[in-house]
């Protein structure tokens, strides 16, 4: 007889309301929810979705100022565009796939086209208010979790035309969240760079750019460039490139004003076009990697009906500039070939400096070539997966919904790596085990990456030998003990990444794992505390004489407990560099001879984002 538990009838089907589906599957709309501690948390995607609508108004020639206000848990965005037509104010906030951006005459080169973003903000907010101002009148709607509570019209003679959106993210979806103004500030800076003449204001501070991407690149440089940045622009395209003394490659990409932080075809074509054009200009068969080593740049394009690989719009997936238009490959390739070639002919001093830099890169590459070849052979002989790496099933390069959540923990010692391995999510979390303290790379050449077995295997595990295009994990997490030895290992690893792969830091891939220092518990409850104040608070709240355990190292934390710290409640500090940081000086103080200024310099220059 059939098992009643396995019956499959019409009763198994459900039809969710639009807001219920968003709240049930928030990751489909904003990526991970998070608590606001990192700039890629969905909390900031909500803010971006609202601002994007105002940016689109500016791009169409309406409104030159956008005001953003953050007060406690509430965010307000006010633009001075045309204002939403009154008959569609409510629909724009609570009817999926409703918007003006399907009509290319109204929004020709918009960021968002699917009419989803504002609805997602509405559904994920405990309170959501939208008001459109037009010719001395306004139409408004008040919602909670996507449900309309109130709507109406008002007379507002003093108000300028435009739209106001005010919302408070729902703590059910964003537990214990904190909005970090510095992340929103960085977002607004990017908007300013990409929209010359637009003023963005955050809690009274203005952001405006006169030189577009040139300002962006100049602000991102950690040192003086080798030659003045080459800034070229045309219809629907703008580019900047220069070279620095840093290692690696750092090129930012944008499409329709959207920061495509994970790239796309426009970035790939731009990188190829730079190398090809420079090779043809000098009539020398340079390796593309020699041309792009130490390059700093940015590319921005605008296209009709852009296609993105995800709702958060971090990967451009379009093949053409617009329906019936040229391919992105030919559009960018032709522009770079003509404009960059012309620039180098007209600026021989820059061309001479660039040639010298490429030749230096070539010599350095050849110097490590033999060592690199031998190291590759050694790496193949060693069973990487069995000896060092406990890999995960999904990787950052995969076209998978969880690709952004992939991470690798770099830890030291069998007990710590064993605990993490037993506790991890094998789909998205990998573990790389170090054997003792890694070598201090300060003052060494890149040969050490290949001659040192630990570093050779680490770069192979990350797949970053040539570039970051095939980086296997979105988050590279340094997980060491919170004692002097653990801190030293952390510093050695940071020195390695900063010296040879600084783009991993600049692109926001390097993190530090926070682990609890104390466990405070009684018969009914257990608290894990990350600081002395947290411990004291737990002692006070759990009553008299609770059991207090001081964790001396990661190896003392059981696998069952580790699940608490590397799952949904994971605490990470993102490693970042301020724009004024100078890597050579930073590394000298960081890992060179100890000096009285060393600690102060580290505190002021190397920071954990979110501290």
Protein backbone atom coordinates (compact mmCIF):
# COMPACT_ATOMS: atom_id res chain seq x y z
CA UNK A 1 0.00 0.00 0.00
CA UNK A 2 1.24 3.57 -0.67
CA UNK A 3 2.74 5.41 2.24
CA UNK A 4 0.43 8.32 3.22
CA UNK A 5 3.51 10.39 4.07
CA UNK A 6 4.55 10.26 0.41
CA UNK A 7 1.24 11.38 -1.10
CA UNK A 8 1.44 14.19 -3.62
CA UNK A 9 -1.79 16.10 -4.24
CA UNK A 10 -3.07 19.58 -4.97
CA UNK A 11 -2.92 20.26 -1.23
CA UNK A 12 0.88 20.22 -1.43
CA UNK A 13 0.85 23.38 -3.56
CA UNK A 14 1.07 26.92 -2.16
CA UNK A 15 0.70 30.32 -3.76
CA UNK A 16 2.69 32.99 -1.97
CA UNK A 17 1.97 36.68 -2.07
CA UNK A 18 4.76 38.75 -3.67
CA UNK A 19 6.03 40.01 -0.31
CA UNK A 20 5.87 36.56 1.28
CA UNK A 21 8.10 35.13 -1.43
CA UNK A 22 10.67 37.91 -0.99
CA UNK A 23 10.72 37.42 2.76
CA UNK A 24 10.96 33.63 2.42
CA UNK A 25 13.77 33.76 -0.14
CA UNK A 26 15.61 37.07 0.49
CA UNK A 27 18.86 35.70 -0.95
CA UNK A 28 17.32 35.64 -4.42
CA UNK A 29 16.95 39.42 -4.26
CA UNK A 30 19.79 40.79 -2.12
CA UNK A 31 22.34 37.99 -1.72
CA UNK A 32 23.13 37.30 1.93
CA UNK A 33 21.19 39.18 4.62
CA UNK A 34 23.96 39.78 7.16
CA UNK A 35 24.09 42.20 10.06
CA UNK A 36 25.72 45.12 8.27
CA UNK A 37 29.26 44.26 9.37
CA UNK A 38 30.59 43.90 5.80
CA UNK A 39 29.91 46.08 2.75
CA UNK A 40 28.51 43.16 0.73
CA UNK A 41 25.72 42.52 3.23
CA UNK A 42 22.20 42.65 1.81
CA UNK A 43 21.45 45.58 4.07
CA UNK A 44 23.49 47.81 1.75
CA UNK A 45 21.88 46.25 -1.31
CA UNK A 46 18.56 47.61 -0.02
CA UNK A 47 20.04 51.10 0.26
CA UNK A 48 21.59 50.78 -3.18
CA UNK A 49 18.30 49.69 -4.77
CA UNK A 50 16.61 52.87 -3.59
CA UNK A 51 19.50 55.12 -4.63
CA UNK A 52 19.70 53.44 -8.04
CA UNK A 53 16.24 54.75 -8.87
CA UNK A 54 17.36 58.29 -8.05
CA UNK A 55 20.56 57.82 -10.07
CA UNK A 56 18.47 56.78 -13.06
CA UNK A 57 16.52 60.02 -12.75
CA UNK A 58 19.76 62.01 -12.82
CA UNK A 59 21.03 60.01 -15.80
CA UNK A 60 17.91 61.08 -17.67
CA UNK A 61 18.67 64.74 -16.87
CA UNK A 62 16.43 65.20 -13.85
CA UNK A 63 17.65 66.34 -10.45
CA UNK A 64 21.26 67.14 -9.54
CA UNK A 65 21.17 66.27 -5.84
CA UNK A 66 20.37 63.12 -3.84
CA UNK A 67 20.18 63.36 -0.05
CA UNK A 68 20.72 60.26 2.09
CA UNK A 69 20.07 60.35 5.82
CA UNK A 70 20.86 57.55 8.27
CA UNK A 71 19.46 57.84 11.78
CA UNK A 72 19.68 54.76 14.02
CA UNK A 73 17.90 52.00 12.06
CA UNK A 74 16.19 54.28 9.54
CA UNK A 75 17.40 55.26 6.06
CA UNK A 76 15.93 58.10 4.00
CA UNK A 77 16.67 58.84 0.34
CA UNK A 78 15.33 62.03 -1.24
CA UNK A 79 15.92 62.97 -4.86
CA UNK A 80 14.82 66.00 -6.83
CA UNK A 81 13.84 64.41 -10.11
CA UNK A 82 10.44 64.33 -11.73
CA UNK A 83 8.69 62.40 -8.97
CA UNK A 84 6.77 59.17 -9.62
CA UNK A 85 3.45 59.76 -11.44
CA UNK A 86 0.80 59.79 -8.73
CA UNK A 87 -1.20 56.94 -10.21
CA UNK A 88 1.78 54.60 -9.91
CA UNK A 89 3.29 55.53 -6.52
CA UNK A 90 1.71 52.59 -4.71
CA UNK A 91 2.19 50.14 -7.59
CA UNK A 92 5.88 51.02 -7.83
CA UNK A 93 6.34 49.82 -4.25
CA UNK A 94 4.11 46.74 -4.08
CA UNK A 95 3.46 45.29 -7.54
CA UNK A 96 6.22 43.08 -8.89
CA UNK A 97 7.50 43.78 -12.39
CA UNK A 98 5.94 47.23 -12.38
CA UNK A 99 7.99 50.25 -13.42
CA UNK A 100 8.78 52.79 -16.12
CA UNK A 101 12.12 51.25 -17.03
CA UNK A 102 10.66 48.80 -19.55
CA UNK A 103 10.07 51.87 -21.73
CA UNK A 104 13.46 52.82 -23.17
CA UNK A 105 12.21 56.28 -24.04
CA UNK A 106 11.81 57.05 -20.34
CA UNK A 107 14.88 55.26 -18.97
CA UNK A 108 17.23 54.49 -21.82
CA UNK A 109 20.29 53.32 -19.90
CA UNK A 110 18.95 52.42 -16.50
CA UNK A 111 20.63 50.32 -13.80
CA UNK A 112 17.51 48.33 -12.92
CA UNK A 113 15.04 47.05 -15.48
CA UNK A 114 12.97 44.40 -13.76
CA UNK A 115 10.85 46.46 -11.36
CA UNK A 116 11.96 44.32 -8.42
CA UNK A 117 14.39 46.32 -6.28
CA UNK A 118 12.04 48.78 -4.57
CA UNK A 119 9.55 46.00 -3.83
CA UNK A 120 12.29 43.97 -2.16
CA UNK A 121 13.12 46.95 0.07
CA UNK A 122 9.46 47.33 0.96
CA UNK A 123 8.94 43.64 1.76
CA UNK A 124 12.07 43.46 3.94
CA UNK A 125 11.28 46.55 6.02
CA UNK A 126 9.20 46.84 9.17
CA UNK A 127 8.29 50.35 8.05
CA UNK A 128 8.45 51.67 4.50
CA UNK A 129 7.28 55.10 3.38
CA UNK A 130 7.26 56.44 -0.15
CA UNK A 131 6.17 59.91 -1.26
CA UNK A 132 6.20 61.56 -4.66
CA UNK A 133 6.24 65.35 -4.96
CA UNK A 134 4.84 66.99 -8.08
CA UNK A 135 3.87 70.62 -8.60
CA UNK A 136 2.99 71.45 -4.99
CA UNK A 137 1.19 68.18 -4.26
CA UNK A 138 2.28 64.78 -3.04
CA UNK A 139 1.08 61.20 -3.14
CA UNK A 140 2.27 58.83 -0.40
CA UNK A 141 2.05 55.25 0.80
CA UNK A 142 2.94 53.71 4.15
CA UNK A 143 3.74 49.98 4.41
CA UNK A 144 4.97 47.33 6.83
CA UNK A 145 6.63 44.17 5.49
CA UNK A 146 5.10 44.94 2.09
CA UNK A 147 1.55 45.37 3.38
CA UNK A 148 -0.09 48.70 2.59
CA UNK A 149 -1.23 50.46 5.77
CA UNK A 150 -2.12 53.94 4.50
CA UNK A 151 -2.14 55.98 1.32
CA UNK A 152 -3.23 59.44 0.36
CA UNK A 153 -2.43 62.86 -1.11
CA UNK A 154 -1.25 66.10 0.47
CA UNK A 155 -0.76 69.74 -0.46
CA UNK A 156 3.00 70.53 -0.13
CA UNK A 157 3.64 73.90 -1.82
CA UNK A 158 7.20 74.41 -0.43
CA UNK A 159 8.50 71.04 -1.58
CA UNK A 160 10.51 70.62 -4.77
CA UNK A 161 9.54 67.85 -7.19
CA UNK A 162 11.09 64.43 -6.58
CA UNK A 163 10.72 61.26 -4.55
CA UNK A 164 11.29 60.38 -0.88
CA UNK A 165 11.77 56.82 0.35
CA UNK A 166 12.20 56.11 4.06
CA UNK A 167 12.58 52.59 5.46
CA UNK A 168 13.73 50.53 8.45
CA UNK A 169 15.09 47.02 7.64
CA UNK A 170 13.32 44.20 9.46
CA UNK A 171 15.39 42.75 12.36
CA UNK A 172 13.78 39.36 11.66
CA UNK A 173 15.69 39.25 8.37
CA UNK A 174 18.72 41.27 9.54
CA UNK A 175 19.32 40.17 13.15
CA UNK A 176 21.14 42.68 15.36
CA UNK A 177 22.07 44.78 12.36
CA UNK A 178 24.06 48.00 12.48
CA UNK A 179 24.29 50.36 9.52
CA UNK A 180 27.91 51.39 9.12
CA UNK A 181 28.01 54.85 7.56
CA UNK A 182 31.48 54.29 6.06
CA UNK A 183 30.12 51.57 3.76
CA UNK A 184 27.34 53.85 2.55
CA UNK A 185 29.90 56.64 2.14
CA UNK A 186 32.00 54.44 -0.16
CA UNK A 187 28.89 53.62 -2.17
CA UNK A 188 28.07 57.32 -2.60
CA UNK A 189 31.66 58.09 -3.63
CA UNK A 190 31.36 55.57 -6.45
CA UNK A 191 28.06 57.10 -7.54
CA UNK A 192 29.73 60.52 -7.60
CA UNK A 193 32.70 59.30 -9.66
CA UNK A 194 30.35 57.77 -12.21
CA UNK A 195 27.92 60.68 -12.45
CA UNK A 196 29.88 63.90 -12.94
CA UNK A 197 27.94 66.91 -11.70
CA UNK A 198 25.73 64.94 -9.32
CA UNK A 199 25.89 65.92 -5.64
CA UNK A 200 25.23 63.16 -3.14
CA UNK A 201 24.83 64.06 0.50
CA UNK A 202 25.13 61.70 3.47
CA UNK A 203 24.08 63.16 6.83
CA UNK A 204 25.23 66.60 5.71
CA UNK A 205 28.51 65.57 4.01
CA UNK A 206 28.66 66.20 0.26
CA UNK A 207 30.24 63.94 -2.36
CA UNK A 208 30.77 65.28 -5.86
CA UNK A 209 33.26 64.55 -8.64
CA UNK A 210 34.44 66.86 -11.38
CA UNK A 211 36.70 64.39 -13.19
CA UNK A 212 34.76 61.13 -13.00
CA UNK A 213 36.82 57.96 -13.14
CA UNK A 214 40.03 59.97 -12.98
CA UNK A 215 39.11 61.03 -9.44
CA UNK A 216 38.27 57.41 -8.59
CA UNK A 217 41.65 56.08 -9.73
CA UNK A 218 43.62 58.93 -8.12
CA UNK A 219 41.80 58.33 -4.83
CA UNK A 220 42.48 54.59 -4.98
CA UNK A 221 46.23 54.87 -5.60
CA UNK A 222 48.35 53.94 -2.59
CA UNK A 223 51.37 55.83 -3.98
CA UNK A 224 52.31 58.23 -6.77
CA UNK A 225 51.74 56.56 -10.15
CA UNK A 226 54.66 56.02 -12.51
CA UNK A 227 53.04 58.33 -15.05
CA UNK A 228 49.96 60.60 -15.08
CA UNK A 229 46.81 58.47 -15.39
CA UNK A 230 45.56 58.16 -18.97
CA UNK A 231 41.94 59.34 -18.94
CA UNK A 232 39.92 58.73 -22.11
CA UNK A 233 36.21 59.06 -22.70
CA UNK A 234 33.70 58.83 -25.51
CA UNK A 235 29.99 58.28 -25.99
CA UNK A 236 28.89 55.75 -23.37
CA UNK A 237 32.46 54.80 -22.41
CA UNK A 238 35.12 56.12 -20.04
CA UNK A 239 38.45 54.56 -19.08
CA UNK A 240 41.50 55.33 -16.94
CA UNK A 241 44.78 53.43 -16.65
CA UNK A 242 48.18 53.99 -15.07
CA UNK A 243 50.90 51.87 -13.47
CA UNK A 244 52.17 51.96 -9.89
CA UNK A 245 54.98 50.36 -7.91
CA UNK A 246 52.58 47.89 -6.31
CA UNK A 247 52.32 44.32 -7.51
CA UNK A 248 49.27 42.73 -9.04
CA UNK A 249 46.51 44.20 -11.14
CA UNK A 250 43.67 46.44 -9.97
CA UNK A 251 41.01 47.39 -12.52
CA UNK A 252 37.52 48.41 -11.41
CA UNK A 253 34.55 48.01 -13.72
CA UNK A 254 31.14 49.66 -13.96
CA UNK A 255 28.07 49.32 -16.16
CA UNK A 256 25.33 51.96 -16.22
CA UNK A 257 26.75 53.41 -13.03
CA UNK A 258 26.64 50.04 -11.26
CA UNK A 259 29.83 48.78 -9.61
CA UNK A 260 30.26 45.36 -11.22
CA UNK A 261 32.64 44.22 -8.51
CA UNK A 262 32.80 40.69 -9.94
CA UNK A 263 33.43 41.90 -13.47
CA UNK A 264 31.87 40.56 -16.62
CA UNK A 265 32.59 40.64 -20.33
CA UNK A 266 33.30 44.41 -20.32
CA UNK A 267 36.17 43.95 -17.87
CA UNK A 268 37.59 40.93 -19.72
CA UNK A 269 37.51 42.75 -23.05
CA UNK A 270 39.07 45.87 -21.53
CA UNK A 271 41.98 43.90 -20.08
CA UNK A 272 42.56 42.12 -23.39
CA UNK A 273 42.31 45.36 -25.39
CA UNK A 274 44.88 47.15 -23.20
CA UNK A 275 47.45 44.36 -23.64
CA UNK A 276 46.82 44.03 -27.37
CA UNK A 277 46.95 47.77 -28.08
CA UNK A 278 50.18 48.28 -26.12
CA UNK A 279 51.83 45.29 -27.82
CA UNK A 280 50.90 46.68 -31.23
CA UNK A 281 52.05 50.19 -30.31
CA UNK A 282 55.56 49.03 -29.33
CA UNK A 283 55.58 46.30 -32.02
CA UNK A 284 56.80 43.83 -29.40
CA UNK A 285 55.27 40.53 -28.43
CA UNK A 286 54.93 41.23 -24.71
CA UNK A 287 53.14 38.78 -22.47
CA UNK A 288 49.76 40.28 -21.44
CA UNK A 289 50.68 39.67 -17.79
CA UNK A 290 53.80 41.83 -18.19
CA UNK A 291 51.70 44.66 -19.62
CA UNK A 292 49.12 44.47 -16.83
CA UNK A 293 51.44 43.86 -13.88
CA UNK A 294 51.04 46.81 -11.44
CA UNK A 295 48.29 48.39 -13.53
CA UNK A 296 45.61 50.48 -11.83
CA UNK A 297 42.54 51.47 -13.78
CA UNK A 298 38.81 51.60 -14.33
CA UNK A 299 36.32 51.08 -17.13
CA UNK A 300 32.74 52.35 -17.28
CA UNK A 301 30.21 51.78 -20.04
CA UNK A 302 26.54 52.55 -20.55
CA UNK A 303 24.27 50.29 -22.52
CA UNK A 304 20.58 49.78 -23.27
CA UNK A 305 18.77 47.00 -21.42
CA UNK A 306 21.78 45.66 -19.49
CA UNK A 307 21.71 42.05 -18.39
CA UNK A 308 23.28 41.09 -15.10
CA UNK A 309 24.09 37.58 -13.91
CA UNK A 310 22.42 38.20 -10.53
CA UNK A 311 19.86 40.49 -8.89
CA UNK A 312 22.62 42.30 -6.98
CA UNK A 313 24.07 43.31 -10.39
CA UNK A 314 27.73 42.60 -9.63
CA UNK A 315 28.42 40.71 -12.91
CA UNK A 316 27.55 42.15 -16.33
CA UNK A 317 26.17 39.44 -18.60
CA UNK A 318 25.28 41.49 -21.70
CA UNK A 319 26.88 40.72 -25.05
CA UNK A 320 25.74 43.84 -26.92
CA UNK A 321 25.59 47.57 -26.20
CA UNK A 322 21.90 47.50 -27.09
CA UNK A 323 19.37 45.84 -29.39
CA UNK A 324 20.84 45.94 -32.88
CA UNK A 325 23.99 47.69 -31.61
CA UNK A 326 27.62 46.60 -31.70
CA UNK A 327 28.93 43.85 -29.49
CA UNK A 328 30.58 44.91 -26.24
CA UNK A 329 33.75 43.23 -27.49
CA UNK A 330 33.99 45.40 -30.61
CA UNK A 331 32.70 48.55 -28.85
CA UNK A 332 35.36 48.51 -26.13
CA UNK A 333 38.08 46.94 -28.26
CA UNK A 334 37.79 49.53 -31.03
CA UNK A 335 37.69 52.42 -28.56
CA UNK A 336 40.79 51.30 -26.68
CA UNK A 337 42.70 50.51 -29.87
CA UNK A 338 42.09 53.96 -31.36
CA UNK A 339 42.16 56.21 -28.30
CA UNK A 340 44.96 54.59 -26.30
CA UNK A 341 47.17 54.28 -29.37
CA UNK A 342 46.59 57.95 -30.20
CA UNK A 343 47.40 58.98 -26.63
CA UNK A 344 50.70 57.11 -26.55
CA UNK A 345 51.74 58.65 -29.87
CA UNK A 346 50.95 62.13 -28.56
CA UNK A 347 52.62 61.58 -25.18
CA UNK A 348 56.07 60.05 -25.80
CA UNK A 349 57.24 60.70 -22.22
CA UNK A 350 54.42 58.53 -20.87
CA UNK A 351 55.09 55.92 -23.56
CA UNK A 352 58.76 55.74 -22.53
CA UNK A 353 57.92 55.25 -18.82
CA UNK A 354 55.34 52.60 -19.69
CA UNK A 355 57.82 50.70 -21.87
CA UNK A 356 60.41 50.72 -19.10
CA UNK A 357 57.87 49.35 -16.63
CA UNK A 358 56.79 46.54 -18.95
CA UNK A 359 60.42 45.53 -19.56
CA UNK A 360 61.03 45.46 -15.79
CA UNK A 361 57.96 43.25 -15.37
CA UNK A 362 59.24 40.97 -18.11
CA UNK A 363 62.67 40.62 -16.48
CA UNK A 364 61.12 39.85 -13.11
CA UNK A 365 58.83 37.23 -14.61
CA UNK A 366 61.69 35.51 -16.41
CA UNK A 367 63.83 35.60 -13.26
CA UNK A 368 61.30 33.48 -11.43
CA UNK A 369 60.39 31.40 -14.48
CA UNK A 370 62.69 28.45 -13.76
CA UNK A 371 61.82 28.48 -10.08
CA UNK A 372 58.14 28.69 -10.94
CA UNK A 373 58.31 25.74 -13.32
CA UNK A 374 60.02 23.58 -10.71
CA UNK A 375 57.51 24.67 -8.06
CA UNK A 376 54.63 23.70 -10.34
CA UNK A 377 56.14 20.25 -10.77
CA UNK A 378 56.52 19.92 -7.03
CA UNK A 379 52.93 21.06 -6.46
CA UNK A 380 51.66 18.42 -8.87
CA UNK A 381 53.63 15.73 -7.05
CA UNK A 382 52.12 16.68 -3.68
CA UNK A 383 48.57 15.55 -3.02
CA UNK A 384 47.15 19.01 -2.40
CA UNK A 385 43.66 17.90 -1.47
CA UNK A 386 44.77 15.23 0.96
CA UNK A 387 47.63 17.09 2.59
CA UNK A 388 46.74 20.75 2.84
CA UNK A 389 43.32 21.51 1.43
CA UNK A 390 39.95 20.23 2.49
CA UNK A 391 38.05 21.64 -0.45
CA UNK A 392 34.38 22.55 -0.77
CA UNK A 393 31.98 21.54 -3.53
CA UNK A 394 31.02 25.01 -4.80
CA UNK A 395 33.55 27.63 -5.90
CA UNK A 396 33.50 31.37 -6.54
CA UNK A 397 33.83 30.87 -10.29
CA UNK A 398 30.79 28.57 -10.45
CA UNK A 399 27.48 29.84 -11.79
CA UNK A 400 25.74 28.92 -8.57
CA UNK A 401 23.47 30.86 -6.23
CA UNK A 402 25.88 30.27 -3.32
CA UNK A 403 29.09 31.18 -5.18
CA UNK A 404 29.32 34.49 -3.29
CA UNK A 405 29.19 32.61 0.01
CA UNK A 406 32.27 30.47 -0.69
CA UNK A 407 35.12 30.82 1.79
CA UNK A 408 38.40 29.21 2.77
CA UNK A 409 39.77 29.18 6.31
CA UNK A 410 43.55 29.39 6.60
CA UNK A 411 44.50 27.96 9.96
CA UNK A 412 47.50 26.51 11.77
CA UNK A 413 47.78 23.20 13.54
CA UNK A 414 46.01 19.85 13.22
CA UNK A 415 43.58 20.39 16.12
CA UNK A 416 42.29 23.75 14.87
CA UNK A 417 41.99 22.66 11.25
CA UNK A 418 40.38 19.41 12.38
CA UNK A 419 37.73 21.21 14.43
CA UNK A 420 36.88 23.59 11.59
CA UNK A 421 36.81 20.75 9.06
CA UNK A 422 34.34 18.76 11.16
CA UNK A 423 32.15 21.83 11.76
CA UNK A 424 32.14 23.44 8.31
CA UNK A 425 29.55 23.46 5.57
CA UNK A 426 31.32 21.30 2.95
CA UNK A 427 29.36 22.92 0.14
CA UNK A 428 30.82 26.40 0.57
CA UNK A 429 33.58 26.22 3.22
CA UNK A 430 37.11 24.94 2.58
CA UNK A 431 40.02 24.60 5.01
CA UNK A 432 43.74 25.10 4.30
CA UNK A 433 46.08 23.90 7.03
CA UNK A 434 49.43 25.59 7.68
CA UNK A 435 52.35 23.77 9.23
CA UNK A 436 53.68 26.15 11.86
CA UNK A 437 54.55 29.77 11.18
CA UNK A 438 54.94 30.74 7.52
CA UNK A 439 58.07 32.51 6.30
CA UNK A 440 58.41 36.28 6.71
CA UNK A 441 58.28 37.53 3.12
CA UNK A 442 59.24 41.13 3.86
CA UNK A 443 62.05 42.26 1.55
CA UNK A 444 61.90 39.08 -0.56
CA UNK A 445 61.04 38.79 -4.25
CA UNK A 446 58.13 36.85 -5.67
CA UNK A 447 60.40 33.85 -6.01
CA UNK A 448 59.48 32.99 -2.42
CA UNK A 449 55.92 32.28 -3.58
CA UNK A 450 57.33 29.33 -5.52
CA UNK A 451 60.30 28.24 -3.40
CA UNK A 452 58.30 28.12 -0.17
CA UNK A 453 56.11 25.01 -0.19
CA UNK A 454 53.42 26.53 2.04
CA UNK A 455 52.97 29.61 -0.13
CA UNK A 456 53.20 27.63 -3.36
CA UNK A 457 50.41 25.33 -2.26
CA UNK A 458 48.35 28.22 -0.89
CA UNK A 459 48.39 30.15 -4.16
CA UNK A 460 47.56 26.92 -6.00
CA UNK A 461 44.60 26.33 -3.68
CA UNK A 462 43.35 29.89 -4.25
CA UNK A 463 44.14 29.68 -7.99
CA UNK A 464 45.65 33.18 -8.08
CA UNK A 465 49.00 32.49 -9.73
CA UNK A 466 48.32 34.57 -12.85
CA UNK A 467 45.37 36.78 -11.90
CA UNK A 468 42.19 36.88 -9.83
CA UNK A 469 39.87 35.83 -12.66
CA UNK A 470 39.66 32.26 -11.39
CA UNK A 471 39.80 32.92 -7.65
CA UNK A 472 38.14 29.87 -6.11
CA UNK A 473 36.74 31.45 -2.92
CA UNK A 474 35.09 34.81 -2.36
CA UNK A 475 36.31 35.08 1.23
CA UNK A 476 39.85 34.18 2.30
CA UNK A 477 39.66 33.95 6.08
CA UNK A 478 42.71 33.95 8.34
CA UNK A 479 41.75 31.85 11.37
CA UNK A 480 44.46 31.92 14.04
CA UNK A 481 44.61 31.81 17.83
CA UNK A 482 44.11 35.08 19.71
CA UNK A 483 47.51 34.77 21.39
CA UNK A 484 50.95 36.21 20.49
CA UNK A 485 51.83 33.26 18.23
CA UNK A 486 48.47 33.43 16.49
CA UNK A 487 48.78 37.19 15.99
CA UNK A 488 52.27 36.70 14.55
CA UNK A 489 50.98 34.13 12.05
CA UNK A 490 48.19 36.54 11.13
CA UNK A 491 50.72 39.30 10.47
CA UNK A 492 52.92 36.98 8.38
CA UNK A 493 49.97 35.99 6.20
CA UNK A 494 48.79 39.57 5.81
CA UNK A 495 52.32 40.56 4.83
CA UNK A 496 52.34 37.83 2.18
CA UNK A 497 49.02 38.94 0.67
CA UNK A 498 49.83 42.65 0.84
CA UNK A 499 53.24 42.22 -0.77
CA UNK A 500 52.41 39.82 -3.60
CA UNK A 501 48.62 39.87 -4.02
CA UNK A 502 47.44 43.30 -2.77
CA UNK A 503 44.49 43.21 -5.16
CA UNK A 504 42.96 40.54 -2.93
CA UNK A 505 42.87 43.14 -0.15
CA UNK A 506 41.72 45.98 -2.40
CA UNK A 507 38.90 43.86 -3.82
CA UNK A 508 37.73 42.91 -0.33
CA UNK A 509 38.54 39.18 -0.27
CA UNK A 510 40.71 38.99 2.89
CA UNK A 511 39.08 38.57 6.31
CA UNK A 512 40.02 37.82 9.90
CA UNK A 513 37.86 35.29 11.78
CA UNK A 514 36.67 36.44 15.18
CA UNK A 515 36.48 33.59 17.67
CA UNK A 516 35.22 33.77 21.25
CA UNK A 517 37.65 34.29 24.09
CA UNK A 518 35.28 33.06 26.80
CA UNK A 519 32.41 30.68 27.37
CA UNK A 520 30.04 31.65 30.18
CA UNK A 521 27.27 29.21 31.07
CA UNK A 522 24.88 28.01 33.72
CA UNK A 523 22.56 25.01 33.68
CA UNK A 524 20.09 26.71 31.35
CA UNK A 525 22.11 28.87 28.96
CA UNK A 526 25.52 29.21 27.32
CA UNK A 527 27.01 32.51 26.13
CA UNK A 528 30.13 32.91 23.97
CA UNK A 529 31.96 36.18 24.56
CA UNK A 530 34.43 37.90 22.26
CA UNK A 531 35.72 40.48 24.73
CA UNK A 532 36.00 41.22 28.45
CA UNK A 533 32.97 43.56 28.42
CA UNK A 534 30.86 40.84 26.77
CA UNK A 535 32.07 38.38 29.42
CA UNK A 536 31.19 40.73 32.28
CA UNK A 537 27.74 41.36 30.81
CA UNK A 538 27.11 37.61 30.45
CA UNK A 539 28.18 36.98 34.07
CA UNK A 540 25.80 39.68 35.29
CA UNK A 541 22.87 38.38 33.23
CA UNK A 542 23.31 34.65 33.88
CA UNK A 543 23.27 35.01 37.64
CA UNK A 544 25.69 34.02 40.40
CA UNK A 545 28.63 31.68 39.93
CA UNK A 546 28.34 30.73 36.26
CA UNK A 547 31.02 28.46 34.78
CA UNK A 548 33.63 30.55 32.92
CA UNK A 549 36.04 29.02 30.40
CA UNK A 550 38.89 30.95 28.77
CA UNK A 551 39.69 29.55 25.32
CA UNK A 552 43.46 29.57 24.87
CA UNK A 553 43.35 28.49 21.23
CA UNK A 554 41.13 27.30 18.41
CA UNK A 555 42.08 23.71 19.14
CA UNK A 556 40.27 23.93 22.50
CA UNK A 557 36.95 24.69 20.84
CA UNK A 558 35.03 21.52 20.06
CA UNK A 559 33.60 20.89 16.56
CA UNK A 560 30.05 21.22 17.92
CA UNK A 561 30.89 24.62 19.36
CA UNK A 562 32.68 25.70 16.20
CA UNK A 563 29.42 25.36 14.29
CA UNK A 564 28.20 28.35 16.28
CA UNK A 565 31.09 30.51 15.06
CA UNK A 566 31.46 29.64 11.36
CA UNK A 567 27.78 29.29 10.46
CA UNK A 568 25.08 31.93 10.32
CA UNK A 569 26.60 33.71 13.36
CA UNK A 570 30.08 33.98 11.86
CA UNK A 571 31.92 37.20 12.80
CA UNK A 572 34.42 38.45 10.25
CA UNK A 573 36.60 41.55 10.06
CA UNK A 574 37.34 42.56 6.49
CA UNK A 575 40.91 43.74 5.94
CA UNK A 576 41.04 47.07 4.11
CA UNK A 577 43.51 49.71 3.02
CA UNK A 578 42.85 53.42 3.26
CA UNK A 579 43.53 55.45 0.14
CA UNK A 580 46.45 57.17 1.86
CA UNK A 581 48.21 53.89 2.69
CA UNK A 582 51.66 53.41 1.17
CA UNK A 583 52.39 49.70 0.89
CA UNK A 584 56.21 49.84 0.97
CA UNK A 585 56.19 51.90 4.16
CA UNK A 586 53.34 49.86 5.59
CA UNK A 587 55.18 46.58 5.06
CA UNK A 588 58.43 48.00 6.44
CA UNK A 589 56.76 48.89 9.72
CA UNK A 590 54.51 45.86 9.63
CA UNK A 591 57.16 43.15 9.23
CA UNK A 592 60.51 44.96 9.20
CA UNK A 593 62.69 46.02 12.11
CA UNK A 594 60.69 46.73 15.24
CA UNK A 595 60.46 50.43 16.05
CA UNK A 596 58.55 52.51 18.64
CA UNK A 597 56.30 53.79 15.86
CA UNK A 598 55.42 50.34 14.56
CA UNK A 599 52.29 49.65 16.60
CA UNK A 600 50.85 53.13 16.07
CA UNK A 601 51.47 52.91 12.33
CA UNK A 602 49.71 49.56 12.07
CA UNK A 603 46.69 50.83 13.99
CA UNK A 604 46.40 53.94 11.82
CA UNK A 605 47.00 52.35 8.43
CA UNK A 606 45.93 48.73 8.45
CA UNK A 607 42.37 48.54 9.62
CA UNK A 608 39.62 45.99 9.83
CA UNK A 609 36.57 47.27 8.01
CA UNK A 610 33.74 47.55 10.49
CA UNK A 611 35.91 48.27 13.54
